[in-house]
Amino acid sequence: MRPGAVIYNNPKAIRGDSGGPVFEGGKIVAVQSLISDPFGYNLGLATVSQVGPHRRAIARAIEALQGAYPSLD
């Protein structure tokens, strides 16, 4: 279980962004979980799951994918 956080997105997160990376200073710091859009109005707020302890594993996975698929660089 990781601590969650609420962030303000600009540009706003949209439906379908769930699971996408949240970057800060070029590093992945969280994974987008939920947007706040009461009555269909997007507030620009999103709930995210912080991934600090998993950064090394994420970096290794990215390197492995780049090695397997050089055209993605």
Protein backbone atom coordinates (compact mmCIF):
# COMPACT_ATOMS: atom_id res chain seq x y z
CA MET A 1 0.00 0.00 0.00
CA ARG A 2 1.47 3.37 -1.04
CA PRO A 3 0.35 6.80 0.10
CA GLY A 4 -1.95 8.56 -2.31
CA ALA A 5 -1.81 12.21 -3.25
CA VAL A 6 -4.06 14.73 -4.91
CA ILE A 7 -2.50 16.87 -7.64
CA TYR A 8 -3.62 19.72 -9.87
CA ASN A 9 -2.99 18.93 -13.53
CA ASN A 10 -2.34 21.50 -16.22
CA PRO A 11 -3.29 20.39 -18.81
CA LYS A 12 -6.09 18.54 -17.08
CA ALA A 13 -6.08 14.78 -16.85
CA ILE A 14 -8.92 13.15 -18.75
CA ARG A 15 -10.80 9.88 -18.57
CA GLY A 16 -8.57 7.14 -19.89
CA ASP A 17 -5.40 8.59 -18.33
CA SER A 18 -5.63 6.16 -15.41
CA GLY A 19 -2.47 4.14 -14.99
CA GLY A 20 -0.40 6.73 -16.82
CA PRO A 21 2.85 8.06 -15.33
CA VAL A 22 3.07 11.34 -13.45
CA PHE A 23 6.41 13.08 -14.00
CA GLU A 24 8.21 15.61 -11.85
CA GLY A 25 11.63 16.84 -12.92
CA GLY A 26 11.84 14.12 -15.57
CA LYS A 27 11.24 11.30 -13.06
CA ILE A 28 8.17 9.15 -12.59
CA VAL A 29 6.80 9.97 -9.14
CA ALA A 30 3.29 8.53 -9.30
CA VAL A 31 0.68 6.71 -11.35
CA GLN A 32 -2.57 8.47 -12.13
CA SER A 33 -5.55 6.79 -10.51
CA LEU A 34 -8.69 8.92 -10.61
CA ILE A 35 -9.83 12.32 -11.88
CA SER A 36 -12.30 14.59 -10.11
CA ASP A 37 -15.13 15.48 -12.46
CA PRO A 38 -18.34 16.01 -10.50
CA PHE A 39 -21.39 16.29 -12.76
CA GLY A 40 -19.04 16.02 -15.77
CA TYR A 41 -17.02 19.17 -14.93
CA ASN A 42 -13.30 18.41 -14.87
CA LEU A 43 -11.78 20.19 -11.85
CA GLY A 44 -8.20 19.49 -12.94
CA LEU A 45 -7.62 17.47 -9.77
CA ALA A 46 -6.41 13.89 -9.88
CA THR A 47 -5.71 11.24 -7.28
CA VAL A 48 -2.38 9.49 -7.81
CA SER A 49 -0.50 6.59 -6.25
CA GLN A 50 3.08 7.49 -5.35
CA VAL A 51 5.75 5.07 -6.59
CA GLY A 52 8.93 6.25 -4.84
CA PRO A 53 10.07 2.83 -3.56
CA HIS A 54 9.52 1.29 -7.00
CA ARG A 55 11.51 3.81 -9.09
CA ARG A 56 14.51 1.50 -9.62
CA ALA A 57 12.31 -1.35 -10.84
CA ILE A 58 10.45 1.03 -13.16
CA ALA A 59 13.76 2.34 -14.56
CA ARG A 60 14.97 -1.24 -15.18
CA ALA A 61 11.70 -2.09 -16.96
CA ILE A 62 12.02 1.00 -19.18
CA GLU A 63 15.62 0.09 -20.04
CA ALA A 64 14.58 -3.48 -20.86
CA LEU A 65 11.81 -2.25 -23.16
CA GLN A 66 14.15 0.18 -24.89
CA GLY A 67 16.65 -2.64 -25.42
CA ALA A 68 13.96 -4.93 -26.82
CA TYR A 69 12.38 -2.22 -28.98
CA PRO A 70 15.11 0.25 -30.07
CA SER A 71 12.65 2.06 -32.34
CA LEU A 72 10.86 3.37 -29.21
CA ASP A 73 13.81 5.61 -28.27
